[in-house]
PDB file of N, CA and C in Angstrom:
ATOM      1  N   MET A   1      18.869  -8.031  -3.294  1.00  0.00           N
ATOM      2  CA  MET A   1      17.881  -7.002  -3.716  1.00  0.00           C
ATOM      3  C   MET A   1      18.536  -5.654  -3.943  1.00  0.00           C
ATOM      4  N   ARG A   2      18.121  -4.996  -5.019  1.00  0.00           N
ATOM      5  CA  ARG A   2      18.674  -3.732  -5.385  1.00  0.00           C
ATOM      6  C   ARG A   2      18.358  -2.624  -4.360  1.00  0.00           C
ATOM      7  N   ARG A   3      19.298  -1.825  -4.024  1.00  0.00           N
ATOM      8  CA  ARG A   3      19.079  -0.775  -2.991  1.00  0.00           C
ATOM      9  C   ARG A   3      18.922   0.564  -3.837  1.00  0.00           C
ATOM     10  N   MET A   4      18.014   1.324  -3.304  1.00  0.00           N
ATOM     11  CA  MET A   4      17.817   2.610  -3.921  1.00  0.00           C
ATOM     12  C   MET A   4      18.397   3.680  -3.042  1.00  0.00           C
ATOM     13  N   ALA A   5      18.790   4.811  -3.635  1.00  0.00           N
ATOM     14  CA  ALA A   5      19.267   5.901  -2.935  1.00  0.00           C
ATOM     15  C   ALA A   5      18.228   6.510  -2.047  1.00  0.00           C
ATOM     16  N   PRO A   6      18.602   7.017  -0.866  1.00  0.00           N
ATOM     17  CA  PRO A   6      17.580   7.637   0.053  1.00  0.00           C
ATOM     18  C   PRO A   6      16.975   8.888  -0.681  1.00  0.00           C
ATOM     19  N   VAL A   7      15.756   9.138  -0.378  1.00  0.00           N
ATOM     20  CA  VAL A   7      15.057  10.323  -0.949  1.00  0.00           C
ATOM     21  C   VAL A   7      14.718  11.286   0.268  1.00  0.00           C
ATOM     22  N   LYS A   8      14.989  12.428   0.129  1.00  0.00           N
ATOM     23  CA  LYS A   8      14.612  13.435   1.247  1.00  0.00           C
ATOM     24  C   LYS A   8      13.211  14.032   0.900  1.00  0.00           C
ATOM     25  N   VAL A   9      12.337  14.026   1.834  1.00  0.00           N
ATOM     26  CA  VAL A   9      10.974  14.412   1.563  1.00  0.00           C
ATOM     27  C   VAL A   9      10.600  15.502   2.604  1.00  0.00           C
ATOM     28  N   ILE A  10      10.109  16.603   2.168  1.00  0.00           N
ATOM     29  CA  ILE A  10       9.503  17.571   3.090  1.00  0.00           C
ATOM     30  C   ILE A  10       8.043  17.399   3.154  1.00  0.00           C
ATOM     31  N   PHE A  11       7.541  17.155   4.375  1.00  0.00           N
ATOM     32  CA  PHE A  11       6.168  16.843   4.480  1.00  0.00           C
ATOM     33  C   PHE A  11       5.375  17.813   5.346  1.00  0.00           C
ATOM     34  N   HIS A  12       4.277  18.366   4.880  1.00  0.00           N
ATOM     35  CA  HIS A  12       3.472  19.310   5.632  1.00  0.00           C
ATOM     36  C   HIS A  12       2.164  18.541   5.992  1.00  0.00           C
ATOM     37  N   PHE A  13       2.034  18.314   7.262  1.00  0.00           N
ATOM     38  CA  PHE A  13       0.764  17.564   7.733  1.00  0.00           C
ATOM     39  C   PHE A  13      -0.435  18.461   7.573  1.00  0.00           C
ATOM     40  N   PRO A  14      -1.608  17.810   7.289  1.00  0.00           N
ATOM     41  CA  PRO A  14      -2.887  18.507   7.180  1.00  0.00           C
ATOM     42  C   PRO A  14      -3.164  19.155   8.519  1.00  0.00           C
ATOM     43  N   LYS A  15      -4.010  20.199   8.407  1.00  0.00           N
ATOM     44  CA  LYS A  15      -4.391  20.935   9.674  1.00  0.00           C
ATOM     45  C   LYS A  15      -5.734  20.555  10.091  1.00  0.00           C
ATOM     46  N   THR A  16      -6.556  19.822   9.228  1.00  0.00           N
ATOM     47  CA  THR A  16      -7.945  19.543   9.576  1.00  0.00           C
ATOM     48  C   THR A  16      -8.109  18.001   9.570  1.00  0.00           C
ATOM     49  N   GLU A  17      -9.240  17.586  10.238  1.00  0.00           N
ATOM     50  CA  GLU A  17      -9.595  16.157  10.278  1.00  0.00           C
ATOM     51  C   GLU A  17      -9.845  15.686   8.821  1.00  0.00           C
ATOM     52  N   GLU A  18     -10.539  16.406   8.041  1.00  0.00           N
ATOM     53  CA  GLU A  18     -10.797  16.091   6.595  1.00  0.00           C
ATOM     54  C   GLU A  18      -9.536  15.944   5.857  1.00  0.00           C
ATOM     55  N   GLY A  19      -8.599  16.846   5.984  1.00  0.00           N
ATOM     56  CA  GLY A  19      -7.254  16.710   5.453  1.00  0.00           C
ATOM     57  C   GLY A  19      -6.531  15.471   5.810  1.00  0.00           C
ATOM     58  N   ASN A  20      -6.688  15.084   7.085  1.00  0.00           N
ATOM     59  CA  ASN A  20      -6.086  13.786   7.562  1.00  0.00           C
ATOM     60  C   ASN A  20      -6.705  12.620   6.805  1.00  0.00           C
ATOM     61  N   LYS A  21      -8.017  12.686   6.679  1.00  0.00           N
ATOM     62  CA  LYS A  21      -8.697  11.560   5.978  1.00  0.00           C
ATOM     63  C   LYS A  21      -8.217  11.462   4.483  1.00  0.00           C
ATOM     64  N   VAL A  22      -8.164  12.541   3.849  1.00  0.00           N
ATOM     65  CA  VAL A  22      -7.675  12.674   2.466  1.00  0.00           C
ATOM     66  C   VAL A  22      -6.269  12.142   2.312  1.00  0.00           C
ATOM     67  N   LEU A  23      -5.402  12.543   3.278  1.00  0.00           N
ATOM     68  CA  LEU A  23      -4.049  12.063   3.276  1.00  0.00           C
ATOM     69  C   LEU A  23      -4.005  10.534   3.440  1.00  0.00           C
ATOM     70  N   ALA A  24      -4.777  10.036   4.453  1.00  0.00           N
ATOM     71  CA  ALA A  24      -4.779   8.650   4.713  1.00  0.00           C
ATOM     72  C   ALA A  24      -5.200   7.783   3.417  1.00  0.00           C
ATOM     73  N   MET A  25      -6.224   8.288   2.759  1.00  0.00           N
ATOM     74  CA  MET A  25      -6.733   7.655   1.501  1.00  0.00           C
ATOM     75  C   MET A  25      -5.584   7.686   0.446  1.00  0.00           C
ATOM     76  N   ARG A  26      -4.951   8.812   0.279  1.00  0.00           N
ATOM     77  CA  ARG A  26      -3.833   8.861  -0.754  1.00  0.00           C
ATOM     78  C   ARG A  26      -2.664   7.939  -0.374  1.00  0.00           C
ATOM     79  N   VAL A  27      -2.265   7.903   0.924  1.00  0.00           N
ATOM     80  CA  VAL A  27      -1.194   7.021   1.275  1.00  0.00           C
ATOM     81  C   VAL A  27      -1.610   5.520   1.047  1.00  0.00           C
ATOM     82  N   ALA A  28      -2.847   5.226   1.388  1.00  0.00           N
ATOM     83  CA  ALA A  28      -3.305   3.855   1.164  1.00  0.00           C
ATOM     84  C   ALA A  28      -3.282   3.532  -0.374  1.00  0.00           C
ATOM     85  N   GLU A  29      -3.718   4.467  -1.189  1.00  0.00           N
ATOM     86  CA  GLU A  29      -3.696   4.224  -2.665  1.00  0.00           C
ATOM     87  C   GLU A  29      -2.276   4.029  -3.213  1.00  0.00           C
ATOM     88  N   VAL A  30      -1.340   4.880  -2.746  1.00  0.00           N
ATOM     89  CA  VAL A  30       0.091   4.675  -3.187  1.00  0.00           C
ATOM     90  C   VAL A  30       0.629   3.357  -2.700  1.00  0.00           C
ATOM     91  N   HIS A  31       0.261   2.988  -1.472  1.00  0.00           N
ATOM     92  CA  HIS A  31       0.817   1.728  -0.964  1.00  0.00           C
ATOM     93  C   HIS A  31       0.228   0.523  -1.745  1.00  0.00           C
ATOM     94  N   ALA A  32      -1.068   0.605  -2.031  1.00  0.00           N
ATOM     95  CA  ALA A  32      -1.762  -0.462  -2.811  1.00  0.00           C
ATOM     96  C   ALA A  32      -1.088  -0.601  -4.153  1.00  0.00           C
ATOM     97  N   ASN A  33      -0.930   0.544  -4.803  1.00  0.00           N
ATOM     98  CA  ASN A  33      -0.275   0.534  -6.179  1.00  0.00           C
ATOM     99  C   ASN A  33       1.107  -0.054  -6.085  1.00  0.00           C
ATOM    100  N   ALA A  34       1.878   0.306  -5.047  1.00  0.00           N
ATOM    101  CA  ALA A  34       3.238  -0.300  -4.883  1.00  0.00           C
ATOM    102  C   ALA A  34       3.209  -1.814  -4.749  1.00  0.00           C
ATOM    103  N   VAL A  35       2.245  -2.269  -3.960  1.00  0.00           N
ATOM    104  CA  VAL A  35       2.118  -3.774  -3.768  1.00  0.00           C
ATOM    105  C   VAL A  35       1.707  -4.415  -5.041  1.00  0.00           C
ATOM    106  N   ILE A  36       0.787  -3.835  -5.813  1.00  0.00           N
ATOM    107  CA  ILE A  36       0.335  -4.422  -7.100  1.00  0.00           C
ATOM    108  C   ILE A  36       1.549  -4.493  -8.072  1.00  0.00           C
ATOM    109  N   GLN A  37       2.237  -3.376  -8.101  1.00  0.00           N
ATOM    110  CA  GLN A  37       3.442  -3.313  -9.059  1.00  0.00           C
ATOM    111  C   GLN A  37       4.470  -4.424  -8.661  1.00  0.00           C
ATOM    112  N   ARG A  38       4.687  -4.608  -7.369  1.00  0.00           N
ATOM    113  CA  ARG A  38       5.650  -5.624  -6.943  1.00  0.00           C
ATOM    114  C   ARG A  38       5.176  -7.011  -7.372  1.00  0.00           C
ATOM    115  N   ILE A  39       3.861  -7.240  -7.158  1.00  0.00           N
ATOM    116  CA  ILE A  39       3.289  -8.474  -7.536  1.00  0.00           C
ATOM    117  C   ILE A  39       3.411  -8.794  -9.088  1.00  0.00           C
ATOM    118  N   LYS A  40       3.214  -7.705  -9.892  1.00  0.00           N
ATOM    119  CA  LYS A  40       3.260  -7.874 -11.318  1.00  0.00           C
ATOM    120  C   LYS A  40       4.689  -8.124 -11.659  1.00  0.00           C
ATOM    121  N   ASP A  41       5.639  -7.664 -10.977  1.00  0.00           N
ATOM    122  CA  ASP A  41       7.086  -7.827 -11.363  1.00  0.00           C
ATOM    123  C   ASP A  41       7.625  -9.168 -10.910  1.00  0.00           C
ATOM    124  N   LEU A  42       6.874 -10.002 -10.142  1.00  0.00           N
ATOM    125  CA  LEU A  42       7.318 -11.204  -9.714  1.00  0.00           C
ATOM    126  C   LEU A  42       7.516 -12.254 -10.938  1.00  0.00           C
ATOM    127  N   ASP A  43       8.434 -13.110 -10.850  1.00  0.00           N
ATOM    128  CA  ASP A  43       8.708 -14.017 -11.883  1.00  0.00           C
ATOM    129  C   ASP A  43       7.918 -15.391 -11.579  1.00  0.00           C
ATOM    130  N   CYS A  44       6.676 -15.295 -11.678  1.00  0.00           N
ATOM    131  CA  CYS A  44       5.795 -16.478 -11.475  1.00  0.00           C
ATOM    132  C   CYS A  44       4.540 -16.335 -12.339  1.00  0.00           C
ATOM    133  N   SER A  45       3.756 -17.408 -12.321  1.00  0.00           N
ATOM    134  CA  SER A  45       2.627 -17.450 -13.237  1.00  0.00           C
ATOM    135  C   SER A  45       1.496 -16.422 -12.839  1.00  0.00           C
ATOM    136  N   ARG A  46       0.683 -16.059 -13.678  1.00  0.00           N
ATOM    137  CA  ARG A  46      -0.504 -15.154 -13.430  1.00  0.00           C
ATOM    138  C   ARG A  46      -1.355 -15.762 -12.310  1.00  0.00           C
ATOM    139  N   ALA A  47      -1.553 -17.048 -12.312  1.00  0.00           N
ATOM    140  CA  ALA A  47      -2.310 -17.724 -11.308  1.00  0.00           C
ATOM    141  C   ALA A  47      -1.696 -17.529  -9.896  1.00  0.00           C
ATOM    142  N   GLN A  48      -0.373 -17.696  -9.846  1.00  0.00           N
ATOM    143  CA  GLN A  48       0.347 -17.518  -8.585  1.00  0.00           C
ATOM    144  C   GLN A  48       0.187 -16.066  -8.049  1.00  0.00           C
ATOM    145  N   LYS A  49       0.293 -15.099  -9.063  1.00  0.00           N
ATOM    146  CA  LYS A  49       0.169 -13.758  -8.696  1.00  0.00           C
ATOM    147  C   LYS A  49      -1.234 -13.420  -8.124  1.00  0.00           C
ATOM    148  N   LEU A  50      -2.258 -13.973  -8.766  1.00  0.00           N
ATOM    149  CA  LEU A  50      -3.662 -13.796  -8.370  1.00  0.00           C
ATOM    150  C   LEU A  50      -3.822 -14.410  -6.915  1.00  0.00           C
ATOM    151  N   GLU A  51      -3.237 -15.584  -6.761  1.00  0.00           N
ATOM    152  CA  GLU A  51      -3.370 -16.248  -5.473  1.00  0.00           C
ATOM    153  C   GLU A  51      -2.693 -15.391  -4.319  1.00  0.00           C
ATOM    154  N   LEU A  52      -1.590 -14.882  -4.645  1.00  0.00           N
ATOM    155  CA  LEU A  52      -0.873 -14.006  -3.628  1.00  0.00           C
ATOM    156  C   LEU A  52      -1.765 -12.706  -3.309  1.00  0.00           C
ATOM    157  N   LEU A  53      -2.317 -12.156  -4.381  1.00  0.00           N
ATOM    158  CA  LEU A  53      -3.013 -10.935  -4.252  1.00  0.00           C
ATOM    159  C   LEU A  53      -4.347 -11.263  -3.353  1.00  0.00           C
ATOM    160  N   ASP A  54      -4.984 -12.391  -3.741  1.00  0.00           N
ATOM    161  CA  ASP A  54      -6.146 -12.829  -2.945  1.00  0.00           C
ATOM    162  C   ASP A  54      -5.744 -13.053  -1.434  1.00  0.00           C
ATOM    163  N   ALA A  55      -4.523 -13.627  -1.147  1.00  0.00           N
ATOM    164  CA  ALA A  55      -4.118 -13.848   0.186  1.00  0.00           C
ATOM    165  C   ALA A  55      -3.894 -12.582   0.975  1.00  0.00           C
ATOM    166  N   ILE A  56      -3.330 -11.496   0.239  1.00  0.00           N
ATOM    167  CA  ILE A  56      -3.087 -10.254   0.822  1.00  0.00           C
ATOM    168  C   ILE A  56      -4.480  -9.629   1.245  1.00  0.00           C
ATOM    169  N   ILE A  57      -5.362  -9.684   0.347  1.00  0.00           N
ATOM    170  CA  ILE A  57      -6.752  -9.064   0.552  1.00  0.00           C
ATOM    171  C   ILE A  57      -7.413  -9.757   1.697  1.00  0.00           C
ATOM    172  N   GLU A  58      -7.420 -11.053   1.731  1.00  0.00           N
ATOM    173  CA  GLU A  58      -7.966 -11.834   2.799  1.00  0.00           C
ATOM    174  C   GLU A  58      -7.320 -11.518   4.168  1.00  0.00           C
ATOM    175  N   SER A  59      -6.080 -11.361   4.148  1.00  0.00           N
ATOM    176  CA  SER A  59      -5.237 -10.999   5.378  1.00  0.00           C
ATOM    177  C   SER A  59      -5.718  -9.644   5.921  1.00  0.00           C
ATOM    178  N   LYS A  60      -5.826  -8.670   4.977  1.00  0.00           N
ATOM    179  CA  LYS A  60      -6.274  -7.315   5.405  1.00  0.00           C
ATOM    180  C   LYS A  60      -7.600  -7.323   5.973  1.00  0.00           C
ATOM    181  N   GLN A  61      -8.569  -8.126   5.304  1.00  0.00           N
ATOM    182  CA  GLN A  61      -9.898  -8.132   5.801  1.00  0.00           C
ATOM    183  C   GLN A  61     -10.103  -8.742   7.128  1.00  0.00           C
ATOM    184  N   GLN A  62      -9.091  -9.601   7.547  1.00  0.00           N
ATOM    185  CA  GLN A  62      -9.182 -10.261   8.887  1.00  0.00           C
ATOM    186  C   GLN A  62      -8.495  -9.379   9.869  1.00  0.00           C
ATOM    187  N   THR A  63      -7.865  -8.325   9.468  1.00  0.00           N
ATOM    188  CA  THR A  63      -7.078  -7.467  10.463  1.00  0.00           C
ATOM    189  C   THR A  63      -8.058  -6.400  11.081  1.00  0.00           C
ATOM    190  N   PRO A  64      -8.209  -6.364  12.420  1.00  0.00           N
ATOM    191  CA  PRO A  64      -9.027  -5.395  13.013  1.00  0.00           C
ATOM    192  C   PRO A  64      -8.749  -4.019  12.652  1.00  0.00           C
ATOM    193  N   GLN A  65      -9.763  -3.250  12.315  1.00  0.00           N
ATOM    194  CA  GLN A  65      -9.544  -1.827  11.993  1.00  0.00           C
ATOM    195  C   GLN A  65      -9.553  -0.931  13.212  1.00  0.00           C
ATOM    196  N   PRO A  66      -8.714   0.112  13.229  1.00  0.00           N
ATOM    197  CA  PRO A  66      -8.647   1.059  14.424  1.00  0.00           C
ATOM    198  C   PRO A  66      -9.953   1.778  14.530  1.00  0.00           C
ATOM    199  N   ILE A  67     -10.429   1.995  15.725  1.00  0.00           N
ATOM    200  CA  ILE A  67     -11.562   2.736  15.952  1.00  0.00           C
ATOM    201  C   ILE A  67     -11.253   4.251  15.949  1.00  0.00           C
ATOM    202  N   GLY A  68     -12.096   5.039  15.242  1.00  0.00           N
ATOM    203  CA  GLY A  68     -11.938   6.460  15.256  1.00  0.00           C
ATOM    204  C   GLY A  68     -11.986   7.122  13.987  1.00  0.00           C
TER     205      GLY A  68
END
């Protein structure tokens, strides 16, 4: 697997609960897009890619959500 150079990031955490929620949604969106792109880049049929995506979604739906 190809290794990427480390990236330095300066992160300023939100100071409000609303800011935390917005951040969580943006992080989730970036993560989902990364997963989708990795699936698209796989060397397999479209049907296999859809099957994998469905399995990921099903797995997530079965995972208990944190309270709060």
